[in-house]
C-alpha atoms as a PDB file:
ATOM      1  CA  MET A   1      -0.330   6.607 -16.521  1.00  0.00           C
ATOM      2  CA  SER A   2       0.845   8.592 -13.521  1.00  0.00           C
ATOM      3  CA  ASP A   3       3.288  11.462 -13.834  1.00  0.00           C
ATOM      4  CA  TYR A   4       6.003   9.363 -12.175  1.00  0.00           C
ATOM      5  CA  ASP A   5       9.217   9.953 -14.110  1.00  0.00           C
ATOM      6  CA  TRP A   6      10.607   6.514 -14.937  1.00  0.00           C
ATOM      7  CA  ASN A   7      13.233   8.009 -17.239  1.00  0.00           C
ATOM      8  CA  THR A   8      15.193   9.252 -14.223  1.00  0.00           C
ATOM      9  CA  LEU A   9      15.391   5.660 -12.961  1.00  0.00           C
ATOM     10  CA  SER A  10      17.307   4.442 -16.018  1.00  0.00           C
ATOM     11  CA  GLY A  11      20.301   3.518 -13.882  1.00  0.00           C
ATOM     12  CA  TYR A  12      18.131   1.184 -11.815  1.00  0.00           C
ATOM     13  CA  ARG A  13      16.036  -0.383 -14.553  1.00  0.00           C
ATOM     14  CA  SER A  14      17.892  -3.695 -14.313  1.00  0.00           C
ATOM     15  CA  TRP A  15      16.115  -4.369 -11.009  1.00  0.00           C
ATOM     16  CA  ILE A  16      13.025  -2.186 -11.427  1.00  0.00           C
ATOM     17  CA  PRO A  17      11.025  -3.510 -14.391  1.00  0.00           C
ATOM     18  CA  ARG A  18       8.654  -0.866 -15.635  1.00  0.00           C
ATOM     19  CA  PRO A  19       5.168  -1.991 -14.609  1.00  0.00           C
ATOM     20  CA  PRO A  20       2.459  -2.169 -17.271  1.00  0.00           C
ATOM     21  CA  ARG A  21      -0.233   0.487 -17.528  1.00  0.00           C
ATOM     22  CA  GLU A  22      -2.825  -1.829 -15.967  1.00  0.00           C
ATOM     23  CA  VAL A  23      -0.756  -2.041 -12.773  1.00  0.00           C
ATOM     24  CA  VAL A  24       0.255   1.613 -12.507  1.00  0.00           C
ATOM     25  CA  GLU A  25      -2.902   3.475 -13.535  1.00  0.00           C
ATOM     26  CA  PRO A  26      -5.111   2.556 -10.523  1.00  0.00           C
ATOM     27  CA  LEU A  27      -2.490   3.450  -7.892  1.00  0.00           C
ATOM     28  CA  PRO A  28      -2.931   7.255  -7.755  1.00  0.00           C
ATOM     29  CA  ASP A  29      -6.667   6.870  -7.141  1.00  0.00           C
ATOM     30  CA  LEU A  30      -6.129   4.112  -4.568  1.00  0.00           C
ATOM     31  CA  ASN A  31      -3.496   6.111  -2.704  1.00  0.00           C
ATOM     32  CA  THR A  32      -5.649   9.243  -2.754  1.00  0.00           C
ATOM     33  CA  TYR A  33      -8.726   7.425  -1.492  1.00  0.00           C
ATOM     34  CA  CYS A  34      -6.818   5.697   1.323  1.00  0.00           C
ATOM     35  CA  LEU A  35      -5.208   8.971   2.421  1.00  0.00           C
ATOM     36  CA  ASP A  36      -8.570  10.729   2.422  1.00  0.00           C
ATOM     37  CA  VAL A  37     -10.043   7.940   4.578  1.00  0.00           C
ATOM     38  CA  LEU A  38      -7.067   8.346   6.907  1.00  0.00           C
ATOM     39  CA  VAL A  39      -7.933  12.044   7.258  1.00  0.00           C
ATOM     40  CA  GLU A  40     -11.480  11.091   8.263  1.00  0.00           C
ATOM     41  CA  GLN A  41     -10.130   8.643  10.845  1.00  0.00           C
ATOM     42  CA  ALA A  42      -7.800  11.318  12.215  1.00  0.00           C
ATOM     43  CA  HIS A  43     -10.667  13.802  12.512  1.00  0.00           C
ATOM     44  CA  ALA A  44     -12.779  11.155  14.253  1.00  0.00           C
ATOM     45  CA  GLY A  45      -9.983  10.437  16.716  1.00  0.00           C
ATOM     46  CA  THR A  46      -9.713   6.768  15.728  1.00  0.00           C
ATOM     47  CA  ALA A  47      -6.341   6.878  13.961  1.00  0.00           C
ATOM     48  CA  ASN A  48      -3.007   5.906  15.449  1.00  0.00           C
ATOM     49  CA  PRO A  49      -0.978   9.041  16.426  1.00  0.00           C
ATOM     50  CA  ALA A  50       1.693   8.258  13.855  1.00  0.00           C
ATOM     51  CA  ALA A  51      -1.000   7.826  11.220  1.00  0.00           C
ATOM     52  CA  CYS A  52      -2.541  11.156  12.256  1.00  0.00           C
ATOM     53  CA  ARG A  53       0.770  12.809  11.436  1.00  0.00           C
ATOM     54  CA  VAL A  54       0.616  11.334   7.915  1.00  0.00           C
ATOM     55  CA  ALA A  55      -2.904  12.739   7.565  1.00  0.00           C
ATOM     56  CA  GLU A  56      -1.645  16.172   8.618  1.00  0.00           C
ATOM     57  CA  LEU A  57       1.168  16.044   6.068  1.00  0.00           C
ATOM     58  CA  TRP A  58      -1.329  15.086   3.359  1.00  0.00           C
ATOM     59  CA  LEU A  59      -3.666  17.950   4.250  1.00  0.00           C
ATOM     60  CA  ALA A  60      -0.782  20.436   4.133  1.00  0.00           C
ATOM     61  CA  LEU A  61      -0.111  19.705   0.451  1.00  0.00           C
ATOM     62  CA  ASP A  62      -1.798  21.536  -2.399  1.00  0.00           C
ATOM     63  CA  GLY A  63      -3.685  19.701  -5.130  1.00  0.00           C
ATOM     64  CA  GLU A  64      -0.752  19.199  -7.498  1.00  0.00           C
ATOM     65  CA  ALA A  65       1.528  18.011  -4.722  1.00  0.00           C
ATOM     66  CA  ARG A  66      -1.116  15.514  -3.614  1.00  0.00           C
ATOM     67  CA  LYS A  67      -1.255  14.142  -7.141  1.00  0.00           C
ATOM     68  CA  ARG A  68       2.510  13.696  -7.112  1.00  0.00           C
ATOM     69  CA  LEU A  69       2.504  11.978  -3.727  1.00  0.00           C
ATOM     70  CA  ALA A  70      -0.223   9.577  -4.851  1.00  0.00           C
ATOM     71  CA  SER A  71       1.537   8.811  -8.139  1.00  0.00           C
ATOM     72  CA  HIS A  72       4.275   6.521  -6.829  1.00  0.00           C
ATOM     73  CA  PRO A  73       4.205   3.035  -8.411  1.00  0.00           C
ATOM     74  CA  TYR A  74       3.273   1.266  -5.182  1.00  0.00           C
ATOM     75  CA  LEU A  75       0.477   1.386  -2.642  1.00  0.00           C
ATOM     76  CA  LEU A  76       1.407   3.815   0.123  1.00  0.00           C
ATOM     77  CA  PHE A  77      -0.575   1.642   2.530  1.00  0.00           C
ATOM     78  CA  ASP A  78       0.182  -1.759   4.001  1.00  0.00           C
ATOM     79  CA  ALA A  79      -2.751  -4.142   3.635  1.00  0.00           C
ATOM     80  CA  GLY A  80      -1.289  -7.247   5.249  1.00  0.00           C
ATOM     81  CA  PHE A  81      -0.117  -8.711   1.948  1.00  0.00           C
ATOM     82  CA  ALA A  82       3.387  -9.432   3.282  1.00  0.00           C
ATOM     83  CA  ASP A  83       2.032 -11.923   5.830  1.00  0.00           C
ATOM     84  CA  PRO A  84       0.855 -15.198   4.260  1.00  0.00           C
ATOM     85  CA  ARG A  85      -0.727 -16.269   7.562  1.00  0.00           C
ATOM     86  CA  ARG A  86      -3.461 -13.701   6.995  1.00  0.00           C
ATOM     87  CA  TRP A  87      -4.446 -15.105   3.632  1.00  0.00           C
ATOM     88  CA  ARG A  88      -4.195 -18.860   4.034  1.00  0.00           C
ATOM     89  CA  ASN A  89      -7.320 -20.992   3.778  1.00  0.00           C
ATOM     90  CA  LEU A  90      -9.363 -18.217   2.183  1.00  0.00           C
ATOM     91  CA  GLU A  91     -11.434 -20.847   0.430  1.00  0.00           C
ATOM     92  CA  HIS A  92     -12.538 -22.092   3.865  1.00  0.00           C
ATOM     93  CA  ALA A  93     -14.299 -18.801   4.579  1.00  0.00           C
ATOM     94  CA  GLN A  94     -12.114 -17.313   7.285  1.00  0.00           C
ATOM     95  CA  VAL A  95      -9.219 -14.896   7.008  1.00  0.00           C
ATOM     96  CA  CYS A  96      -6.524 -15.497   9.604  1.00  0.00           C
ATOM     97  CA  GLU A  97      -6.599 -12.782  12.216  1.00  0.00           C
ATOM     98  CA  ALA A  98      -3.002 -11.707  12.809  1.00  0.00           C
ATOM     99  CA  PRO A  99      -3.026  -8.545  14.921  1.00  0.00           C
ATOM    100  CA  GLN A 100      -0.459  -5.854  14.230  1.00  0.00           C
ATOM    101  CA  ALA A 101       1.505  -5.033  17.357  1.00  0.00           C
ATOM    102  CA  ASP A 102       1.192  -1.506  18.703  1.00  0.00           C
ATOM    103  CA  TYR A 103      -1.461  -0.615  16.140  1.00  0.00           C
ATOM    104  CA  GLU A 104      -5.121  -0.544  17.096  1.00  0.00           C
ATOM    105  CA  GLU A 105      -7.324  -1.074  14.081  1.00  0.00           C
ATOM    106  CA  PRO A 106      -9.737   1.827  13.454  1.00  0.00           C
ATOM    107  CA  PRO A 107     -13.468   1.077  13.090  1.00  0.00           C
ATOM    108  CA  ALA A 108     -14.580  -0.294   9.740  1.00  0.00           C
ATOM    109  CA  THR A 109     -16.625   2.696   8.553  1.00  0.00           C
ATOM    110  CA  PRO A 110     -18.489   2.547   5.215  1.00  0.00           C
ATOM    111  CA  ARG A 111     -15.757   4.578   3.472  1.00  0.00           C
ATOM    112  CA  ALA A 112     -13.018   2.418   4.979  1.00  0.00           C
ATOM    113  CA  ILE A 113     -14.804  -0.717   3.763  1.00  0.00           C
ATOM    114  CA  THR A 114     -15.141   0.795   0.295  1.00  0.00           C
ATOM    115  CA  GLY A 115     -11.422   1.575   0.325  1.00  0.00           C
ATOM    116  CA  ALA A 116     -10.684  -2.024   1.303  1.00  0.00           C
ATOM    117  CA  GLN A 117     -12.875  -3.216  -1.568  1.00  0.00           C
ATOM    118  CA  PHE A 118     -10.925  -1.059  -4.007  1.00  0.00           C
ATOM    119  CA  VAL A 119      -7.599  -2.351  -2.699  1.00  0.00           C
ATOM    120  CA  LEU A 120      -8.656  -6.007  -2.625  1.00  0.00           C
ATOM    121  CA  CYS A 121     -10.096  -5.911  -6.147  1.00  0.00           C
ATOM    122  CA  TYR A 122      -6.890  -4.301  -7.370  1.00  0.00           C
ATOM    123  CA  ALA A 123      -4.827  -6.908  -5.503  1.00  0.00           C
ATOM    124  CA  TRP A 124      -6.899  -9.713  -7.008  1.00  0.00           C
ATOM    125  CA  SER A 125      -6.323  -8.360 -10.511  1.00  0.00           C
ATOM    126  CA  VAL A 126      -2.588  -7.863 -10.034  1.00  0.00           C
ATOM    127  CA  ALA A 127      -2.076 -11.248  -8.346  1.00  0.00           C
ATOM    128  CA  GLY A 128      -4.009 -13.007 -11.085  1.00  0.00           C
ATOM    129  CA  HIS A 129      -2.597 -11.281 -14.159  1.00  0.00           C
ATOM    130  CA  TYR A 130       0.626  -9.478 -13.191  1.00  0.00           C
ATOM    131  CA  ALA A 131       1.931 -11.501 -10.247  1.00  0.00           C
ATOM    132  CA  ASN A 132       5.555 -10.546 -10.948  1.00  0.00           C
ATOM    133  CA  HIS A 133       4.626  -6.902 -10.233  1.00  0.00           C
ATOM    134  CA  ALA A 134       2.656  -7.630  -7.031  1.00  0.00           C
ATOM    135  CA  PRO A 135       5.730  -7.448  -4.724  1.00  0.00           C
ATOM    136  CA  LEU A 136       6.485  -3.842  -5.703  1.00  0.00           C
ATOM    137  CA  ALA A 137       2.955  -2.536  -6.260  1.00  0.00           C
ATOM    138  CA  LEU A 138       1.526  -4.056  -3.078  1.00  0.00           C
ATOM    139  CA  GLY A 139       4.423  -5.376  -0.998  1.00  0.00           C
ATOM    140  CA  MET A 140       2.812  -8.762  -1.630  1.00  0.00           C
ATOM    141  CA  HIS A 141       4.423 -12.034  -0.584  1.00  0.00           C
ATOM    142  CA  PRO A 142       4.408 -14.658  -3.389  1.00  0.00           C
ATOM    143  CA  GLN A 143       2.358 -17.028  -1.224  1.00  0.00           C
ATOM    144  CA  CYS A 144      -0.267 -14.319  -0.727  1.00  0.00           C
ATOM    145  CA  ALA A 145      -0.381 -13.724  -4.471  1.00  0.00           C
ATOM    146  CA  GLN A 146      -1.010 -17.424  -5.034  1.00  0.00           C
ATOM    147  CA  GLU A 147      -3.854 -17.529  -2.526  1.00  0.00           C
ATOM    148  CA  ILE A 148      -5.506 -14.315  -3.667  1.00  0.00           C
ATOM    149  CA  ALA A 149      -5.294 -15.277  -7.339  1.00  0.00           C
ATOM    150  CA  LYS A 150      -7.423 -18.364  -6.569  1.00  0.00           C
ATOM    151  CA  GLN A 151     -10.337 -16.283  -5.324  1.00  0.00           C
ATOM    152  CA  THR A 152     -13.279 -14.757  -7.147  1.00  0.00           C
ATOM    153  CA  ILE A 153     -13.757 -11.016  -7.228  1.00  0.00           C
ATOM    154  CA  LEU A 154     -17.010 -11.478  -5.274  1.00  0.00           C
ATOM    155  CA  ARG A 155     -15.090 -13.251  -2.513  1.00  0.00           C
ATOM    156  CA  MET A 156     -12.596 -10.390  -2.338  1.00  0.00           C
ATOM    157  CA  LEU A 157     -15.438  -7.891  -2.017  1.00  0.00           C
ATOM    158  CA  GLN A 158     -16.920  -9.954   0.803  1.00  0.00           C
ATOM    159  CA  LEU A 159     -13.597  -9.922   2.654  1.00  0.00           C
ATOM    160  CA  ALA A 160     -13.389  -6.125   2.677  1.00  0.00           C
ATOM    161  CA  ARG A 161     -15.401  -5.641   5.878  1.00  0.00           C
ATOM    162  CA  ARG A 162     -13.075  -7.941   7.847  1.00  0.00           C
ATOM    163  CA  THR A 163      -9.854  -6.580   6.385  1.00  0.00           C
ATOM    164  CA  ALA A 164     -10.632  -2.843   6.284  1.00  0.00           C
ATOM    165  CA  GLY A 165      -8.843  -2.320   9.597  1.00  0.00           C
ATOM    166  CA  TRP A 166      -5.647  -3.787   8.190  1.00  0.00           C
ATOM    167  CA  LEU A 167      -5.068  -0.800   5.899  1.00  0.00           C
ATOM    168  CA  ARG A 168      -2.444   1.439   7.456  1.00  0.00           C
ATOM    169  CA  PRO A 169       0.138   3.862   6.064  1.00  0.00           C
ATOM    170  CA  ARG A 170       3.497   2.273   5.420  1.00  0.00           C
ATOM    171  CA  TRP A 171       6.571   3.272   7.440  1.00  0.00           C
ATOM    172  CA  LEU A 172       4.756   4.580  10.516  1.00  0.00           C
ATOM    173  CA  ASP A 173       7.840   3.721  12.533  1.00  0.00           C
ATOM    174  CA  ALA A 174      10.040   5.750  10.152  1.00  0.00           C
ATOM    175  CA  PRO A 175       8.534   9.269   9.952  1.00  0.00           C
ATOM    176  CA  GLU A 176      11.545  10.504   7.999  1.00  0.00           C
ATOM    177  CA  VAL A 177      10.358   8.437   5.021  1.00  0.00           C
ATOM    178  CA  TRP A 178       7.068  10.320   4.946  1.00  0.00           C
ATOM    179  CA  ASP A 179       8.913  13.602   5.414  1.00  0.00           C
ATOM    180  CA  ASP A 180      10.966  12.830   2.297  1.00  0.00           C
ATOM    181  CA  LEU A 181       7.918  11.726   0.300  1.00  0.00           C
ATOM    182  CA  VAL A 182       5.986  14.866   1.212  1.00  0.00           C
ATOM    183  CA  ARG A 183       8.963  17.128   0.535  1.00  0.00           C
ATOM    184  CA  GLY A 184       9.428  15.466  -2.832  1.00  0.00           C
ATOM    185  CA  ALA A 185       5.752  15.867  -3.659  1.00  0.00           C
ATOM    186  CA  ALA A 186       5.879  19.555  -2.737  1.00  0.00           C
ATOM    187  CA  GLU A 187       9.023  20.263  -4.775  1.00  0.00           C
ATOM    188  CA  GLY A 188       8.396  17.883  -7.692  1.00  0.00           C
ATOM    189  CA  GLY A 189      11.013  16.938 -10.259  1.00  0.00           C
ATOM    190  CA  ILE A 190      14.043  14.902  -9.267  1.00  0.00           C
ATOM    191  CA  THR A 191      13.350  15.384  -5.549  1.00  0.00           C
ATOM    192  CA  HIS A 192       9.991  13.678  -6.010  1.00  0.00           C
ATOM    193  CA  THR A 193      11.447  10.802  -8.003  1.00  0.00           C
ATOM    194  CA  ARG A 194      14.325  10.246  -5.593  1.00  0.00           C
ATOM    195  CA  ALA A 195      11.907  10.050  -2.669  1.00  0.00           C
ATOM    196  CA  GLY A 196       9.839   7.564  -4.633  1.00  0.00           C
ATOM    197  CA  LEU A 197      12.913   5.501  -5.405  1.00  0.00           C
ATOM    198  CA  GLN A 198      13.690   5.310  -1.707  1.00  0.00           C
ATOM    199  CA  GLY A 199      10.150   4.016  -1.184  1.00  0.00           C
ATOM    200  CA  ILE A 200      10.752   1.376  -3.858  1.00  0.00           C
ATOM    201  CA  ARG A 201      13.933   0.274  -2.105  1.00  0.00           C
ATOM    202  CA  LEU A 202      12.104  -0.003   1.204  1.00  0.00           C
ATOM    203  CA  VAL A 203       9.170  -1.990  -0.187  1.00  0.00           C
ATOM    204  CA  VAL A 204      11.520  -4.422  -1.905  1.00  0.00           C
ATOM    205  CA  ALA A 205      13.898  -4.721   1.067  1.00  0.00           C
ATOM    206  CA  GLU A 206      11.091  -5.230   3.585  1.00  0.00           C
ATOM    207  CA  LEU A 207       9.476  -7.967   1.516  1.00  0.00           C
ATOM    208  CA  ALA A 208      12.839  -9.654   0.890  1.00  0.00           C
ATOM    209  CA  THR A 209      13.360  -9.741   4.664  1.00  0.00           C
ATOM    210  CA  VAL A 210       9.941 -11.312   5.179  1.00  0.00           C
ATOM    211  CA  VAL A 211      10.547 -14.003   2.569  1.00  0.00           C
ATOM    212  CA  HIS A 212      13.991 -14.742   4.001  1.00  0.00           C
ATOM    213  CA  ARG A 213      12.542 -15.153   7.503  1.00  0.00           C
ATOM    214  CA  GLY A 214      10.035 -17.643   6.206  1.00  0.00           C
ATOM    215  CA  GLY A 215       6.744 -15.911   5.698  1.00  0.00           C
ATOM    216  CA  HIS A 216       5.894 -13.192   8.196  1.00  0.00           C
ATOM    217  CA  ARG A 217       7.329 -10.035   9.644  1.00  0.00           C
ATOM    218  CA  ASP A 218       7.327  -8.382  12.997  1.00  0.00           C
ATOM    219  CA  SER A 219       4.839  -5.552  12.993  1.00  0.00           C
ATOM    220  CA  GLY A 220       5.786  -2.089  14.148  1.00  0.00           C
END
C-alpha cells in the first residue's frame, strides 16, 4: 500500500470509497515509470513543452518526494480512457484513432511501449475485477471499462505499440495543479494529502463532465 494518508480524508469518505490493495499498490510504480519515460522524452526533445515542465518538476524532487508524488491513488497520466471512441470495436482489431488537439504524440520508443503495456495490463485488471474503482484510478469512462474488460491480456499487450503515444501527463493546461502536487510531495504531510485530494476532485469532475456530454471530451 502506498503512503497516501486516507485517514485525513475521513470527511470525504462518503464519496471517496477506499480502493482495495489490488487497485492502489501498482499505482506508485506506474506513475514513477511514466514520469521517468517523460524525462527521457524531454531529454530527446520529443515531449510537448508543457510536459517538459512536468519532467523538470519531477527531476527537481528528491527520492522521498518522488515516492510521495507517485503515491496518489490515481494514474497521473491520461491514457485516453475517458474517450469511448478510442476503445470501441477492439475485438475487430483496430483501435479508433482520436487525435488529441494541440498535443503531438511522441515517438513510441521501446520504454514508452513497455510503459503502455504496464498501464494497459493494469487497466484490464481494474476494468475486469474492480470496475467501480476504474473512474478514479484511471479516469476511465464506464463504456471504456466495459470494452476493455472483454479483452484478453494478450490483446492489451498487443495494443501497447499503437497506444503508447496516448500517454500524457494530466492537467497540462493547468500547470498550477502540478505546482500544488509537487509542493505537496516536497513538504509531505497534510499538504501532500490536500494536493492529492484536489487531484481526486479533478479526475472525478472531468470524467463526470465527459459522461454528461455523452462520451467524449475536448482535448487540451
